[in-house]
Amino acid sequence: MRAGTVRAAANHLGISHSTVARRIDAMEKKLAVRLFDRLPIGYVVTPVGEDMLKVAEHMETEMGGLERRILGHDHNLAGRIKVTMVDALALHLLMPHLSRFAHEYPEIDLEVDVTYDAADLNSREADIAIRFAINPPETLIGRRLLTCATAIYVSHNYQKYNDLNDPEKTRWIGFGSQNQDWVKKTAFPNIPVKGQFINLLVQLEACKNGMGIGMLPCFLADIDSSLQRLSDPEQKPNFDLWLLSHPDTRTNARIRIFKDFIATAILSHRSLLEGKGP
């Protein structure tokens, strides 16, 4: 039901869609009820299925809470930690630090989930989230580390062959938002937006390869010699960088040691992240 389709559910579970369909059929046969109606538009939940979902979600919440409380009493620097963050942070900024952590704490099994989706820490989809957010969920404990700066960048070749103030010759690289009011607040308010690239690293590559001018995080673009900054850095609330975890895990030794370690690592790059230079 959460995934919307059998195929999407299968992808999430890491199994084939035929396996998901067979398991649903087997469950319905065992319970002697129909949980989904099979329609041309897909699987549609029945009233019995809705009832069953409420009970299942309650069980999931209780079990998740129990697991977190058990995890909170673990005082060993060993075991698994799952951390979620965007690829730009993992690959371009933090990988040397993650490698050092793995060497210093070899008994801790570090799993890094690179995603732009907000993992649900209440359901233990991750233990720690390093996330850009304005107001993180009140159910989590967290620390706002800093605000990452963004600025306008262009590749040297693109600027060489294009008049950046000419809407006919220049374009903004879009970044996943259909609302283009942000353009009006820039130094190039009349330039059209072409394309939508949600991924930060794809935006960076598009800018480097002369697709247009881009609004990029300074920690990505300032260290690239093929790009030139065209504006002063701006610090916006949607680029507040938070380190988040669940309250039930606050006393867990390996989670606590990783949070302290990675916070120190991130803050060591404060100048670069805030757009004040490498």
C-alpha atoms as a PDB file:
ATOM      1  CA  MET A   1       0.000   0.000   0.000  1.00  0.00           C
ATOM      2  CA  ARG A   2       2.851   2.409   0.786  1.00  0.00           C
ATOM      3  CA  ALA A   3       4.609   1.797  -2.502  1.00  0.00           C
ATOM      4  CA  GLY A   4       1.436   2.135  -4.578  1.00  0.00           C
ATOM      5  CA  THR A   5       2.083  -0.802  -6.898  1.00  0.00           C
ATOM      6  CA  VAL A   6       3.232  -4.406  -6.651  1.00  0.00           C
ATOM      7  CA  ARG A   7       6.317  -3.651  -8.733  1.00  0.00           C
ATOM      8  CA  ALA A   8       7.312  -0.643  -6.584  1.00  0.00           C
ATOM      9  CA  ALA A   9       6.796  -2.699  -3.417  1.00  0.00           C
ATOM     10  CA  ALA A  10       8.989  -5.439  -4.868  1.00  0.00           C
ATOM     11  CA  ASN A  11      11.753  -2.948  -5.640  1.00  0.00           C
ATOM     12  CA  HIS A  12      11.593  -1.648  -2.076  1.00  0.00           C
ATOM     13  CA  LEU A  13      11.752  -5.170  -0.624  1.00  0.00           C
ATOM     14  CA  GLY A  14      14.457  -6.335  -3.011  1.00  0.00           C
ATOM     15  CA  ILE A  15      12.407  -9.239  -4.410  1.00  0.00           C
ATOM     16  CA  SER A  16      10.516  -9.915  -7.648  1.00  0.00           C
ATOM     17  CA  HIS A  17       7.052  -8.486  -8.246  1.00  0.00           C
ATOM     18  CA  SER A  18       5.731 -12.025  -8.871  1.00  0.00           C
ATOM     19  CA  THR A  19       6.885 -12.993  -5.358  1.00  0.00           C
ATOM     20  CA  VAL A  20       4.955 -10.067  -3.868  1.00  0.00           C
ATOM     21  CA  ALA A  21       1.831 -11.043  -5.815  1.00  0.00           C
ATOM     22  CA  ARG A  22       2.129 -14.692  -4.718  1.00  0.00           C
ATOM     23  CA  ARG A  23       2.536 -13.714  -1.074  1.00  0.00           C
ATOM     24  CA  ILE A  24      -0.550 -11.499  -1.191  1.00  0.00           C
ATOM     25  CA  ASP A  25      -2.508 -14.353  -2.825  1.00  0.00           C
ATOM     26  CA  ALA A  26      -1.290 -16.778  -0.148  1.00  0.00           C
ATOM     27  CA  MET A  27      -2.242 -14.397   2.656  1.00  0.00           C
ATOM     28  CA  GLU A  28      -5.732 -13.880   1.239  1.00  0.00           C
ATOM     29  CA  LYS A  29      -6.172 -17.646   0.865  1.00  0.00           C
ATOM     30  CA  LYS A  30      -5.078 -18.292   4.446  1.00  0.00           C
ATOM     31  CA  LEU A  31      -7.333 -15.556   5.863  1.00  0.00           C
ATOM     32  CA  ALA A  32     -10.190 -16.401   3.489  1.00  0.00           C
ATOM     33  CA  VAL A  33     -10.715 -12.706   2.693  1.00  0.00           C
ATOM     34  CA  ARG A  34      -9.833 -10.400  -0.175  1.00  0.00           C
ATOM     35  CA  LEU A  35      -7.388  -7.669   0.840  1.00  0.00           C
ATOM     36  CA  PHE A  36      -7.069  -6.068  -2.599  1.00  0.00           C
ATOM     37  CA  ASP A  37      -9.302  -5.799  -5.626  1.00  0.00           C
ATOM     38  CA  ARG A  38      -7.381  -6.380  -8.863  1.00  0.00           C
ATOM     39  CA  LEU A  39      -8.438  -3.621 -11.226  1.00  0.00           C
ATOM     40  CA  PRO A  40      -7.005  -2.389 -14.559  1.00  0.00           C
ATOM     41  CA  ILE A  41      -5.501   0.561 -12.685  1.00  0.00           C
ATOM     42  CA  GLY A  42      -3.760  -1.774 -10.213  1.00  0.00           C
ATOM     43  CA  TYR A  43      -4.340  -3.169  -6.747  1.00  0.00           C
ATOM     44  CA  VAL A  44      -6.995  -1.293  -4.739  1.00  0.00           C
ATOM     45  CA  VAL A  45      -7.294  -2.038  -1.028  1.00  0.00           C
ATOM     46  CA  THR A  46     -10.580  -3.412   0.325  1.00  0.00           C
ATOM     47  CA  PRO A  47     -12.221  -2.345   3.619  1.00  0.00           C
ATOM     48  CA  VAL A  48     -10.819  -5.522   5.222  1.00  0.00           C
ATOM     49  CA  GLY A  49      -7.377  -4.560   3.949  1.00  0.00           C
ATOM     50  CA  GLU A  50      -7.752  -1.083   5.452  1.00  0.00           C
ATOM     51  CA  ASP A  51      -8.608  -2.649   8.826  1.00  0.00           C
ATOM     52  CA  MET A  52      -5.638  -4.971   8.615  1.00  0.00           C
ATOM     53  CA  LEU A  53      -3.321  -2.090   7.710  1.00  0.00           C
ATOM     54  CA  LYS A  54      -4.222  -0.137  10.857  1.00  0.00           C
ATOM     55  CA  VAL A  55      -3.391  -3.125  13.056  1.00  0.00           C
ATOM     56  CA  ALA A  56      -0.160  -3.805  11.138  1.00  0.00           C
ATOM     57  CA  GLU A  57       0.980  -0.178  11.444  1.00  0.00           C
ATOM     58  CA  HIS A  58       0.298  -0.236  15.193  1.00  0.00           C
ATOM     59  CA  MET A  59       2.377  -3.416  15.508  1.00  0.00           C
ATOM     60  CA  GLU A  60       5.140  -1.850  13.427  1.00  0.00           C
ATOM     61  CA  THR A  61       5.226   1.242  15.648  1.00  0.00           C
ATOM     62  CA  GLU A  62       5.393  -0.840  18.830  1.00  0.00           C
ATOM     63  CA  MET A  63       8.144  -3.101  17.489  1.00  0.00           C
ATOM     64  CA  GLY A  64      10.101  -0.126  16.161  1.00  0.00           C
ATOM     65  CA  GLY A  65       9.931   1.537  19.564  1.00  0.00           C
ATOM     66  CA  LEU A  66      11.087  -1.646  21.282  1.00  0.00           C
ATOM     67  CA  GLU A  67      14.033  -2.006  18.884  1.00  0.00           C
ATOM     68  CA  ARG A  68      15.070   1.613  19.465  1.00  0.00           C
ATOM     69  CA  ARG A  69      14.901   1.228  23.258  1.00  0.00           C
ATOM     70  CA  ILE A  70      17.014  -1.933  23.090  1.00  0.00           C
ATOM     71  CA  LEU A  71      19.458  -0.154  20.793  1.00  0.00           C
ATOM     72  CA  GLY A  72      19.657   2.738  23.245  1.00  0.00           C
ATOM     73  CA  HIS A  73      21.041   0.428  25.949  1.00  0.00           C
ATOM     74  CA  ASP A  74      23.843  -0.895  23.726  1.00  0.00           C
ATOM     75  CA  HIS A  75      27.123   0.394  25.156  1.00  0.00           C
ATOM     76  CA  ASN A  76      29.463  -1.510  22.860  1.00  0.00           C
ATOM     77  CA  LEU A  77      31.446   0.179  20.086  1.00  0.00           C
ATOM     78  CA  ALA A  78      30.455  -2.622  17.752  1.00  0.00           C
ATOM     79  CA  GLY A  79      27.505  -3.390  15.512  1.00  0.00           C
ATOM     80  CA  ARG A  80      25.650  -1.682  12.696  1.00  0.00           C
ATOM     81  CA  ILE A  81      24.932   2.013  12.148  1.00  0.00           C
ATOM     82  CA  LYS A  82      22.837   3.160   9.195  1.00  0.00           C
ATOM     83  CA  VAL A  83      23.419   6.772   8.153  1.00  0.00           C
ATOM     84  CA  THR A  84      21.456   8.612   5.474  1.00  0.00           C
ATOM     85  CA  MET A  85      22.671  11.651   3.533  1.00  0.00           C
ATOM     86  CA  VAL A  86      22.705  13.095   0.005  1.00  0.00           C
ATOM     87  CA  ASP A  87      25.364  11.916  -2.429  1.00  0.00           C
ATOM     88  CA  ALA A  88      27.062  15.319  -2.655  1.00  0.00           C
ATOM     89  CA  LEU A  89      27.954  15.181   1.041  1.00  0.00           C
ATOM     90  CA  ALA A  90      28.974  11.532   1.036  1.00  0.00           C
ATOM     91  CA  LEU A  91      31.163  11.651  -2.076  1.00  0.00           C
ATOM     92  CA  HIS A  92      32.566  15.170  -2.229  1.00  0.00           C
ATOM     93  CA  LEU A  93      32.983  16.097   1.407  1.00  0.00           C
ATOM     94  CA  LEU A  94      32.738  13.312   3.948  1.00  0.00           C
ATOM     95  CA  MET A  95      34.165  10.153   2.367  1.00  0.00           C
ATOM     96  CA  PRO A  96      37.706  10.701   3.734  1.00  0.00           C
ATOM     97  CA  HIS A  97      36.205  11.123   7.199  1.00  0.00           C
ATOM     98  CA  LEU A  98      33.947   8.069   6.817  1.00  0.00           C
ATOM     99  CA  SER A  99      36.990   6.057   5.786  1.00  0.00           C
ATOM    100  CA  ARG A 100      38.920   7.267   8.835  1.00  0.00           C
ATOM    101  CA  PHE A 101      35.992   6.372  11.116  1.00  0.00           C
ATOM    102  CA  ALA A 102      35.902   2.860   9.646  1.00  0.00           C
ATOM    103  CA  HIS A 103      39.610   2.424  10.389  1.00  0.00           C
ATOM    104  CA  GLU A 104      39.376   3.829  13.918  1.00  0.00           C
ATOM    105  CA  TYR A 105      36.298   1.762  14.828  1.00  0.00           C
ATOM    106  CA  PRO A 106      36.661  -1.487  12.852  1.00  0.00           C
ATOM    107  CA  GLU A 107      33.966  -3.280  14.873  1.00  0.00           C
ATOM    108  CA  ILE A 108      31.316  -0.753  13.840  1.00  0.00           C
ATOM    109  CA  ASP A 109      29.583  -1.755  10.610  1.00  0.00           C
ATOM    110  CA  LEU A 110      28.840   1.551   8.875  1.00  0.00           C
ATOM    111  CA  GLU A 111      26.061   1.531   6.281  1.00  0.00           C
ATOM    112  CA  VAL A 112      25.648   4.743   4.257  1.00  0.00           C
ATOM    113  CA  ASP A 113      22.311   5.228   2.497  1.00  0.00           C
ATOM    114  CA  VAL A 114      22.740   7.851  -0.223  1.00  0.00           C
ATOM    115  CA  THR A 115      19.315   9.316  -0.975  1.00  0.00           C
ATOM    116  CA  TYR A 116      17.393  12.553  -1.444  1.00  0.00           C
ATOM    117  CA  ASP A 117      14.361  11.059   0.322  1.00  0.00           C
ATOM    118  CA  ALA A 118      13.843  11.800   4.006  1.00  0.00           C
ATOM    119  CA  ALA A 119      14.372   8.472   5.768  1.00  0.00           C
ATOM    120  CA  ASP A 120      11.918   7.771   8.598  1.00  0.00           C
ATOM    121  CA  LEU A 121      14.029   7.476  11.739  1.00  0.00           C
ATOM    122  CA  ASN A 122      10.902   6.608  13.760  1.00  0.00           C
ATOM    123  CA  SER A 123      10.546   3.428  11.680  1.00  0.00           C
ATOM    124  CA  ARG A 124      14.300   2.748  11.900  1.00  0.00           C
ATOM    125  CA  GLU A 125      14.884   3.274   8.182  1.00  0.00           C
ATOM    126  CA  ALA A 126      18.105   4.851   9.442  1.00  0.00           C
ATOM    127  CA  ASP A 127      19.783   5.522  12.777  1.00  0.00           C
ATOM    128  CA  ILE A 128      21.267   8.917  11.870  1.00  0.00           C
ATOM    129  CA  ALA A 129      20.300  11.463   9.228  1.00  0.00           C
ATOM    130  CA  ILE A 130      22.567  14.212   7.917  1.00  0.00           C
ATOM    131  CA  ARG A 131      19.902  16.295   6.235  1.00  0.00           C
ATOM    132  CA  PHE A 132      19.213  19.679   4.695  1.00  0.00           C
ATOM    133  CA  ALA A 133      16.065  20.938   6.415  1.00  0.00           C
ATOM    134  CA  ILE A 134      14.300  24.054   7.637  1.00  0.00           C
ATOM    135  CA  ASN A 135      12.350  22.503  10.510  1.00  0.00           C
ATOM    136  CA  PRO A 136      13.173  18.828  11.186  1.00  0.00           C
ATOM    137  CA  PRO A 137      10.505  16.593  12.809  1.00  0.00           C
ATOM    138  CA  GLU A 138       9.870  17.348  16.484  1.00  0.00           C
ATOM    139  CA  THR A 139      10.041  13.617  17.259  1.00  0.00           C
ATOM    140  CA  LEU A 140      13.791  13.638  16.562  1.00  0.00           C
ATOM    141  CA  ILE A 141      16.701  15.112  18.453  1.00  0.00           C
ATOM    142  CA  GLY A 142      19.170  17.068  16.415  1.00  0.00           C
ATOM    143  CA  ARG A 143      21.741  19.735  16.032  1.00  0.00           C
ATOM    144  CA  ARG A 144      21.877  22.404  13.352  1.00  0.00           C
ATOM    145  CA  LEU A 145      25.525  22.388  12.378  1.00  0.00           C
ATOM    146  CA  LEU A 146      25.593  25.325   9.942  1.00  0.00           C
ATOM    147  CA  THR A 147      23.931  26.779   6.865  1.00  0.00           C
ATOM    148  CA  CYS A 148      25.447  25.783   3.545  1.00  0.00           C
ATOM    149  CA  ALA A 149      25.890  28.674   1.140  1.00  0.00           C
ATOM    150  CA  THR A 150      24.852  28.678  -2.507  1.00  0.00           C
ATOM    151  CA  ALA A 151      25.967  30.943  -5.330  1.00  0.00           C
ATOM    152  CA  ILE A 152      25.690  31.328  -9.091  1.00  0.00           C
ATOM    153  CA  TYR A 153      28.300  29.494 -11.166  1.00  0.00           C
ATOM    154  CA  VAL A 154      29.158  29.137 -14.831  1.00  0.00           C
ATOM    155  CA  SER A 155      31.779  27.191 -16.748  1.00  0.00           C
ATOM    156  CA  HIS A 156      34.580  29.271 -18.270  1.00  0.00           C
ATOM    157  CA  ASN A 157      33.760  28.031 -21.780  1.00  0.00           C
ATOM    158  CA  TYR A 158      30.058  28.821 -21.465  1.00  0.00           C
ATOM    159  CA  GLN A 159      30.781  32.350 -20.304  1.00  0.00           C
ATOM    160  CA  LYS A 160      33.285  32.783 -23.124  1.00  0.00           C
ATOM    161  CA  TYR A 161      30.750  32.060 -25.864  1.00  0.00           C
ATOM    162  CA  ASN A 162      27.517  33.409 -24.341  1.00  0.00           C
ATOM    163  CA  ASP A 163      26.196  36.780 -23.268  1.00  0.00           C
ATOM    164  CA  LEU A 164      24.893  35.910 -19.802  1.00  0.00           C
ATOM    165  CA  ASN A 165      22.418  38.782 -19.825  1.00  0.00           C
ATOM    166  CA  ASP A 166      20.848  37.711 -23.123  1.00  0.00           C
ATOM    167  CA  PRO A 167      17.773  35.455 -22.601  1.00  0.00           C
ATOM    168  CA  GLU A 168      18.209  34.177 -26.145  1.00  0.00           C
ATOM    169  CA  LYS A 169      21.698  32.879 -25.501  1.00  0.00           C
ATOM    170  CA  THR A 170      21.698  31.862 -21.841  1.00  0.00           C
ATOM    171  CA  ARG A 171      19.694  29.473 -19.663  1.00  0.00           C
ATOM    172  CA  TRP A 172      19.392  28.585 -16.031  1.00  0.00           C
ATOM    173  CA  ILE A 173      19.868  24.940 -15.075  1.00  0.00           C
ATOM    174  CA  GLY A 174      16.693  23.932 -13.215  1.00  0.00           C
ATOM    175  CA  PHE A 175      16.922  22.004  -9.958  1.00  0.00           C
ATOM    176  CA  GLY A 176      13.667  20.133  -9.528  1.00  0.00           C
ATOM    177  CA  SER A 177      11.265  22.943  -8.627  1.00  0.00           C
ATOM    178  CA  GLN A 178       8.559  24.029 -11.026  1.00  0.00           C
ATOM    179  CA  ASN A 179       8.298  27.319  -9.147  1.00  0.00           C
ATOM    180  CA  GLN A 180      10.759  29.669 -10.798  1.00  0.00           C
ATOM    181  CA  ASP A 181      10.256  32.724  -8.579  1.00  0.00           C
ATOM    182  CA  TRP A 182      13.791  32.228  -7.264  1.00  0.00           C
ATOM    183  CA  VAL A 183      15.145  33.429 -10.628  1.00  0.00           C
ATOM    184  CA  LYS A 184      13.674  36.905 -10.099  1.00  0.00           C
ATOM    185  CA  LYS A 185      15.777  37.358  -6.961  1.00  0.00           C
ATOM    186  CA  THR A 186      19.056  36.671  -8.747  1.00  0.00           C
ATOM    187  CA  ALA A 187      21.433  38.829 -10.789  1.00  0.00           C
ATOM    188  CA  PHE A 188      19.975  37.240 -13.943  1.00  0.00           C
ATOM    189  CA  PRO A 189      16.186  37.586 -13.490  1.00  0.00           C
ATOM    190  CA  ASN A 190      15.314  37.445 -17.188  1.00  0.00           C
ATOM    191  CA  ILE A 191      17.123  34.247 -18.081  1.00  0.00           C
ATOM    192  CA  PRO A 192      14.799  31.231 -18.715  1.00  0.00           C
ATOM    193  CA  VAL A 193      15.029  27.959 -16.796  1.00  0.00           C
ATOM    194  CA  LYS A 194      15.538  24.873 -18.937  1.00  0.00           C
ATOM    195  CA  GLY A 195      15.466  21.330 -17.597  1.00  0.00           C
ATOM    196  CA  GLN A 196      15.009  19.956 -14.100  1.00  0.00           C
ATOM    197  CA  PHE A 197      17.854  18.221 -12.261  1.00  0.00           C
ATOM    198  CA  ILE A 198      17.069  17.210  -8.685  1.00  0.00           C
ATOM    199  CA  ASN A 199      20.445  15.599  -8.010  1.00  0.00           C
ATOM    200  CA  LEU A 200      23.151  18.049  -6.873  1.00  0.00           C
ATOM    201  CA  LEU A 201      25.952  16.178  -8.614  1.00  0.00           C
ATOM    202  CA  VAL A 202      24.003  16.144 -11.882  1.00  0.00           C
ATOM    203  CA  GLN A 203      23.468  19.907 -11.564  1.00  0.00           C
ATOM    204  CA  LEU A 204      27.197  20.324 -11.030  1.00  0.00           C
ATOM    205  CA  GLU A 205      28.085  18.263 -14.100  1.00  0.00           C
ATOM    206  CA  ALA A 206      25.488  20.077 -16.212  1.00  0.00           C
ATOM    207  CA  CYS A 207      27.045  23.406 -15.257  1.00  0.00           C
ATOM    208  CA  LYS A 208      30.597  22.169 -15.866  1.00  0.00           C
ATOM    209  CA  ASN A 209      29.617  20.912 -19.315  1.00  0.00           C
ATOM    210  CA  GLY A 210      28.153  24.226 -20.406  1.00  0.00           C
ATOM    211  CA  MET A 211      24.441  23.506 -20.172  1.00  0.00           C
ATOM    212  CA  GLY A 212      23.841  26.891 -18.548  1.00  0.00           C
ATOM    213  CA  ILE A 213      24.377  28.864 -15.360  1.00  0.00           C
ATOM    214  CA  GLY A 214      23.627  27.101 -12.097  1.00  0.00           C
ATOM    215  CA  MET A 215      22.710  27.890  -8.519  1.00  0.00           C
ATOM    216  CA  LEU A 216      25.036  25.470  -6.733  1.00  0.00           C
ATOM    217  CA  PRO A 217      26.261  24.753  -3.199  1.00  0.00           C
ATOM    218  CA  CYS A 218      29.604  26.471  -2.690  1.00  0.00           C
ATOM    219  CA  PHE A 219      31.203  23.371  -1.182  1.00  0.00           C
ATOM    220  CA  LEU A 220      30.747  21.629  -4.542  1.00  0.00           C
ATOM    221  CA  ALA A 221      31.515  24.406  -6.995  1.00  0.00           C
ATOM    222  CA  ASP A 222      34.225  26.475  -5.275  1.00  0.00           C
ATOM    223  CA  ILE A 223      36.740  23.637  -5.480  1.00  0.00           C
ATOM    224  CA  ASP A 224      36.182  23.065  -9.215  1.00  0.00           C
ATOM    225  CA  SER A 225      38.614  25.048 -11.364  1.00  0.00           C
ATOM    226  CA  SER A 226      36.377  24.737 -14.448  1.00  0.00           C
ATOM    227  CA  LEU A 227      33.714  26.913 -12.799  1.00  0.00           C
ATOM    228  CA  GLN A 228      33.579  30.603 -11.980  1.00  0.00           C
ATOM    229  CA  ARG A 229      31.427  32.115  -9.262  1.00  0.00           C
ATOM    230  CA  LEU A 230      29.191  34.954 -10.483  1.00  0.00           C
ATOM    231  CA  SER A 231      27.634  36.095  -7.208  1.00  0.00           C
ATOM    232  CA  ASP A 232      28.258  36.466  -3.510  1.00  0.00           C
ATOM    233  CA  PRO A 233      27.316  33.393  -1.470  1.00  0.00           C
ATOM    234  CA  GLU A 234      23.833  33.271   0.035  1.00  0.00           C
ATOM    235  CA  GLN A 235      22.777  31.321   3.092  1.00  0.00           C
ATOM    236  CA  LYS A 236      19.184  30.098   2.896  1.00  0.00           C
ATOM    237  CA  PRO A 237      17.201  28.175   5.538  1.00  0.00           C
ATOM    238  CA  ASN A 238      16.507  25.272   3.170  1.00  0.00           C
ATOM    239  CA  PHE A 239      20.250  24.577   3.236  1.00  0.00           C
ATOM    240  CA  ASP A 240      20.485  24.356   7.025  1.00  0.00           C
ATOM    241  CA  LEU A 241      22.489  21.185   7.674  1.00  0.00           C
ATOM    242  CA  TRP A 242      21.139  19.080  10.547  1.00  0.00           C
ATOM    243  CA  LEU A 243      22.485  16.010  12.324  1.00  0.00           C
ATOM    244  CA  LEU A 244      19.447  14.020  13.483  1.00  0.00           C
ATOM    245  CA  SER A 245      18.717  10.853  15.442  1.00  0.00           C
ATOM    246  CA  HIS A 246      15.876   9.358  17.491  1.00  0.00           C
ATOM    247  CA  PRO A 247      15.669  10.135  21.254  1.00  0.00           C
ATOM    248  CA  ASP A 248      15.530   6.423  22.093  1.00  0.00           C
ATOM    249  CA  THR A 249      19.059   5.942  20.743  1.00  0.00           C
ATOM    250  CA  ARG A 250      20.715   8.859  22.556  1.00  0.00           C
ATOM    251  CA  THR A 251      22.586   6.552  24.974  1.00  0.00           C
ATOM    252  CA  ASN A 252      23.763   4.098  22.319  1.00  0.00           C
ATOM    253  CA  ALA A 253      27.555   4.192  22.396  1.00  0.00           C
ATOM    254  CA  ARG A 254      28.315   3.661  18.708  1.00  0.00           C
ATOM    255  CA  ILE A 255      25.658   6.120  17.548  1.00  0.00           C
ATOM    256  CA  ARG A 256      26.859   8.724  20.028  1.00  0.00           C
ATOM    257  CA  ILE A 257      30.512   8.309  19.006  1.00  0.00           C
ATOM    258  CA  PHE A 258      29.654   8.556  15.310  1.00  0.00           C
ATOM    259  CA  LYS A 259      27.543  11.687  15.805  1.00  0.00           C
ATOM    260  CA  ASP A 260      30.384  13.412  17.656  1.00  0.00           C
ATOM    261  CA  PHE A 261      32.900  12.280  15.043  1.00  0.00           C
ATOM    262  CA  ILE A 262      30.908  13.351  11.985  1.00  0.00           C
ATOM    263  CA  ALA A 263      29.852  16.684  13.516  1.00  0.00           C
ATOM    264  CA  THR A 264      33.517  17.530  14.091  1.00  0.00           C
ATOM    265  CA  ALA A 265      34.306  16.441  10.534  1.00  0.00           C
ATOM    266  CA  ILE A 266      31.591  18.617   9.005  1.00  0.00           C
ATOM    267  CA  LEU A 267      32.520  21.661  11.089  1.00  0.00           C
ATOM    268  CA  SER A 268      36.144  21.309   9.985  1.00  0.00           C
ATOM    269  CA  HIS A 269      34.852  22.315   6.523  1.00  0.00           C
ATOM    270  CA  ARG A 270      32.860  25.304   7.803  1.00  0.00           C
ATOM    271  CA  SER A 271      34.594  27.891   5.584  1.00  0.00           C
ATOM    272  CA  LEU A 272      33.981  25.857   2.440  1.00  0.00           C
ATOM    273  CA  LEU A 273      30.389  25.015   3.357  1.00  0.00           C
ATOM    274  CA  GLU A 274      29.580  28.640   4.181  1.00  0.00           C
ATOM    275  CA  GLY A 275      31.058  29.888   0.908  1.00  0.00           C
ATOM    276  CA  LYS A 276      34.130  31.568   2.401  1.00  0.00           C
ATOM    277  CA  GLY A 277      36.605  29.578   0.320  1.00  0.00           C
ATOM    278  CA  PRO A 278      38.228  26.128   0.412  1.00  0.00           C
END
